[in-house]
Amino acid sequence: MPLARRGLCLVIAAPSGTGKTAITRALLDSEPGLSLSVSVTTRAPRTGEADGEHYHFVDQAGFDAMVAQGALLEYARVFGRGYGTPRAPVEHALALGRDVVFDVDWQGHRQLRAALPGDVVGLFILPPSRAALEARLHGRGDPPAAVAARMAEADAELSHAGEFDHVLVNDDFDAALAQTRAVLHAARMATARQIGLAGFLAGLAAG
C-alpha cells in the first residue's frame, strides 16, 4: 500500500541535441501520475499549437502582471518574448501527490529551486563526447553557423551541470531512459515526501 506523499518537480536539462526531449516524452508516456509543465509565453502560436496544451498564450501586459504578482515560479525573456512557469497548477499538483516534469535550462532550474525548496529534483543529461554532440547537431540538418551557435550554448549549459542532483551520460537511449526513471522512482520514495508516514507508523505501533 503506497503512503500518501507530496508530489515532486523533476527538472531535466541538457544541451540541445543530447536527447532530452525524446527521454522526457518517453518518460511521460510510461509513467502514470507524471505530467509536463505547460509554460506561459508571449509569442504567437505556431501552426498546430493549442492554447493550454503546448503553451498558455498571453499578451505582454498579461505576462508582466503575472511576474509582478509572483504568479510565475520561473521566467525568462528570450529575444523579446516572455516564457515562464505558472505557479498555481504546479503547486496544486504537488499538493495532490502528482509529479511534474520540466523542460527548462539551468537558469530555470535555479529559479525553481529557489521558489520550491525541497520539491525540486534536478537531472542533467550529458552527451557521450563533444564530437558526438556536434555530429548529432549536424545530423539534424542544421547549417554550420547554427551548429556552431548550438555548441557555444552547450558549453554554457554544461558549465552548470554540477548544480543538479543527478547526472547521466546518454550514449544509449534505453539505458538513459531507465536511469531517468530510476531517479524519478527514488525521488518519489524519499522520506521527506511521505506526508502519510507518521500516521502509518502510528497505526503500526497501535497494532
Protein backbone atom coordinates (compact mmCIF):
# COMPACT_ATOMS: atom_id res chain seq x y z
CA MET A 1 0.00 0.00 0.00
CA PRO A 2 1.59 3.30 -1.06
CA LEU A 3 1.94 6.04 1.51
CA ALA A 4 0.35 9.42 0.91
CA ARG A 5 3.10 11.68 -0.36
CA ARG A 6 3.75 15.14 -1.72
CA GLY A 7 4.45 15.40 -5.42
CA LEU A 8 7.80 16.46 -6.83
CA CYS A 9 9.23 18.59 -9.62
CA LEU A 10 11.60 16.69 -11.92
CA VAL A 11 13.71 19.19 -13.84
CA ILE A 12 15.51 17.69 -16.83
CA ALA A 13 18.12 19.87 -18.50
CA ALA A 14 20.68 19.22 -21.23
CA PRO A 15 22.37 20.86 -24.19
CA SER A 16 20.39 20.81 -27.42
CA GLY A 17 21.00 17.54 -29.28
CA THR A 18 21.57 15.42 -26.17
CA GLY A 19 18.23 13.59 -26.33
CA LYS A 20 16.41 15.38 -23.54
CA THR A 21 13.15 15.81 -25.43
CA ALA A 22 12.97 12.16 -26.50
CA ILE A 23 13.70 10.94 -22.97
CA THR A 24 11.13 13.31 -21.47
CA ARG A 25 8.43 12.20 -23.91
CA ALA A 26 9.14 8.51 -23.31
CA LEU A 27 9.03 9.07 -19.56
CA LEU A 28 5.68 10.86 -19.81
CA ASP A 29 4.27 8.03 -21.94
CA SER A 30 5.26 5.37 -19.43
CA GLU A 31 4.84 6.98 -16.01
CA PRO A 32 1.36 7.41 -14.52
CA GLY A 33 0.94 10.44 -12.31
CA LEU A 34 3.58 12.42 -14.22
CA SER A 35 2.65 15.47 -16.30
CA LEU A 36 4.57 18.06 -18.28
CA SER A 37 4.54 21.63 -17.01
CA VAL A 38 2.88 23.88 -19.60
CA SER A 39 4.64 27.21 -19.89
CA VAL A 40 3.22 30.68 -20.43
CA THR A 41 4.57 32.63 -23.41
CA THR A 42 4.01 35.94 -25.13
CA ARG A 43 4.96 34.62 -28.57
CA ALA A 44 2.29 33.89 -31.14
CA PRO A 45 1.04 30.31 -31.55
CA ARG A 46 2.64 28.31 -34.33
CA THR A 47 0.73 26.07 -36.71
CA GLY A 48 -0.69 23.10 -34.82
CA GLU A 49 -0.13 24.55 -31.34
CA ALA A 50 -3.13 24.62 -29.00
CA ASP A 51 -3.54 27.03 -26.11
CA GLY A 52 -3.28 25.20 -22.79
CA GLU A 53 -1.71 22.12 -24.38
CA HIS A 54 1.58 23.31 -25.84
CA TYR A 55 1.67 26.73 -24.15
CA HIS A 56 -0.57 29.19 -22.40
CA PHE A 57 -0.50 32.13 -24.81
CA VAL A 58 -0.78 35.58 -23.21
CA ASP A 59 -0.06 39.14 -24.26
CA GLN A 60 2.81 41.17 -22.85
CA ALA A 61 0.61 43.01 -20.36
CA GLY A 62 -0.73 39.74 -19.01
CA PHE A 63 2.76 38.29 -18.71
CA ASP A 64 4.07 41.37 -16.91
CA ALA A 65 1.14 41.19 -14.50
CA MET A 66 1.92 37.55 -13.69
CA VAL A 67 5.54 38.46 -12.97
CA ALA A 68 4.50 41.35 -10.72
CA GLN A 69 2.01 39.18 -8.82
CA GLY A 70 4.50 36.36 -8.24
CA ALA A 71 2.31 34.04 -10.29
CA LEU A 72 5.30 32.53 -12.13
CA LEU A 73 7.70 30.09 -10.48
CA GLU A 74 10.38 30.97 -13.03
CA TYR A 75 10.53 33.13 -16.11
CA ALA A 76 12.87 34.45 -18.77
CA ARG A 77 12.79 36.86 -21.66
CA VAL A 78 14.27 35.43 -24.85
CA PHE A 79 14.63 37.64 -27.92
CA GLY A 80 11.99 39.98 -26.56
CA ARG A 81 9.47 37.25 -25.77
CA GLY A 82 8.48 36.10 -22.32
CA TYR A 83 8.41 32.48 -21.14
CA GLY A 84 7.50 31.26 -17.67
CA THR A 85 6.04 28.53 -15.46
CA PRO A 86 2.65 29.25 -13.85
CA ARG A 87 2.76 28.72 -10.09
CA ALA A 88 -0.83 27.66 -9.33
CA PRO A 89 -1.12 24.42 -11.38
CA VAL A 90 2.26 23.17 -10.18
CA GLU A 91 1.52 23.79 -6.51
CA HIS A 92 -1.91 22.17 -6.94
CA ALA A 93 -0.35 19.06 -8.49
CA LEU A 94 2.26 18.76 -5.73
CA ALA A 95 -0.41 19.02 -3.02
CA LEU A 96 -2.31 16.15 -4.67
CA GLY A 97 0.79 13.94 -4.78
CA ARG A 98 1.27 14.31 -8.52
CA ASP A 99 4.65 14.82 -10.16
CA VAL A 100 5.54 17.43 -12.75
CA VAL A 101 8.42 17.29 -15.22
CA PHE A 102 10.03 20.48 -16.51
CA ASP A 103 11.92 21.06 -19.75
CA VAL A 104 13.95 24.14 -18.77
CA ASP A 105 17.57 25.30 -18.81
CA TRP A 106 19.93 25.74 -15.86
CA GLN A 107 18.55 29.20 -15.14
CA GLY A 108 15.01 27.84 -14.91
CA HIS A 109 16.26 25.05 -12.65
CA ARG A 110 17.90 27.58 -10.36
CA GLN A 111 14.74 29.70 -10.14
CA LEU A 112 12.53 26.67 -9.48
CA ARG A 113 14.79 25.56 -6.63
CA ALA A 114 14.51 29.00 -5.06
CA ALA A 115 10.71 29.05 -5.48
CA LEU A 116 10.04 25.47 -4.33
CA PRO A 117 12.83 24.45 -1.95
CA GLY A 118 12.60 20.76 -1.16
CA ASP A 119 10.32 19.95 -4.10
CA VAL A 120 12.81 20.04 -6.98
CA VAL A 121 14.90 17.11 -8.21
CA GLY A 122 17.36 18.14 -10.91
CA LEU A 123 18.70 15.78 -13.59
CA PHE A 124 21.30 16.89 -16.14
CA ILE A 125 21.83 14.79 -19.26
CA LEU A 126 25.34 14.78 -20.76
CA PRO A 127 26.43 13.82 -24.28
CA PRO A 128 28.96 10.96 -24.53
CA SER A 129 31.50 13.34 -26.07
CA ARG A 130 31.80 16.74 -27.67
CA ALA A 131 32.30 15.11 -31.07
CA ALA A 132 29.15 13.02 -30.62
CA LEU A 133 27.10 16.09 -29.72
CA GLU A 134 28.39 18.01 -32.73
CA ALA A 135 27.65 15.03 -35.00
CA ARG A 136 24.07 14.84 -33.69
CA LEU A 137 23.54 18.53 -34.43
CA HIS A 138 24.93 18.15 -37.94
CA GLY A 139 22.71 15.08 -38.37
CA ARG A 140 19.61 17.19 -37.78
CA GLY A 141 20.45 19.18 -40.90
CA ASP A 142 21.36 22.40 -39.13
CA PRO A 143 23.65 24.72 -41.13
CA PRO A 144 27.26 25.07 -39.88
CA ALA A 145 26.64 28.50 -38.36
CA ALA A 146 23.67 27.16 -36.38
CA VAL A 147 25.72 24.17 -35.18
CA ALA A 148 28.49 26.49 -34.01
CA ALA A 149 25.96 28.60 -32.10
CA ARG A 150 24.43 25.48 -30.52
CA MET A 151 27.87 24.25 -29.46
CA ALA A 152 28.59 27.59 -27.79
CA GLU A 153 25.25 27.33 -25.97
CA ALA A 154 26.14 23.77 -24.96
CA ASP A 155 29.39 24.93 -23.38
CA ALA A 156 27.48 27.46 -21.28
CA GLU A 157 24.87 24.87 -20.27
CA LEU A 158 27.46 22.20 -19.41
CA SER A 159 29.24 24.58 -17.04
CA HIS A 160 26.20 24.36 -14.73
CA ALA A 161 25.82 20.56 -14.68
CA GLY A 162 27.27 20.47 -11.17
CA GLU A 163 24.25 22.35 -9.81
CA PHE A 164 21.98 19.36 -10.42
CA ASP A 165 21.25 16.45 -8.07
CA HIS A 166 21.91 13.79 -10.70
CA VAL A 167 23.78 13.48 -13.98
CA LEU A 168 23.79 10.76 -16.61
CA VAL A 169 25.50 10.23 -19.96
CA ASN A 170 23.16 9.49 -22.85
CA ASP A 171 25.18 7.12 -25.01
CA ASP A 172 22.32 4.60 -25.18
CA PHE A 173 18.70 5.77 -25.23
CA ASP A 174 17.13 2.80 -23.43
CA ALA A 175 19.76 2.89 -20.69
CA ALA A 176 19.39 6.65 -20.27
CA LEU A 177 15.61 6.32 -20.05
CA ALA A 178 15.94 3.57 -17.43
CA GLN A 179 18.31 5.74 -15.40
CA THR A 180 15.94 8.70 -15.62
CA ARG A 181 13.08 6.50 -14.44
CA ALA A 182 15.23 5.27 -11.54
CA VAL A 183 15.87 8.88 -10.47
CA LEU A 184 12.13 9.58 -10.53
CA HIS A 185 11.21 6.44 -8.58
CA ALA A 186 13.86 7.04 -5.91
CA ALA A 187 12.73 10.65 -5.50
CA ARG A 188 9.15 9.51 -5.04
CA MET A 189 10.24 7.28 -2.14
CA ALA A 190 12.26 9.95 -0.32
CA THR A 191 11.28 10.00 3.35
CA ALA A 192 10.74 13.76 3.31
CA ARG A 193 7.97 13.37 0.70
CA GLN A 194 5.94 10.83 2.68
CA ILE A 195 3.30 13.02 4.31
CA GLY A 196 1.44 9.88 5.39
CA LEU A 197 4.42 8.31 7.15
CA ALA A 198 3.64 9.47 10.70
CA GLY A 199 0.09 8.18 10.54
CA PHE A 200 1.18 4.89 9.03
CA LEU A 201 3.80 4.37 11.76
CA ALA A 202 1.25 5.23 14.43
CA GLY A 203 -1.05 2.59 13.01
CA LEU A 204 1.72 0.01 13.07
CA ALA A 205 2.54 0.85 16.67
CA ALA A 206 -1.10 0.55 17.68
CA GLY A 207 -1.31 -2.87 16.12
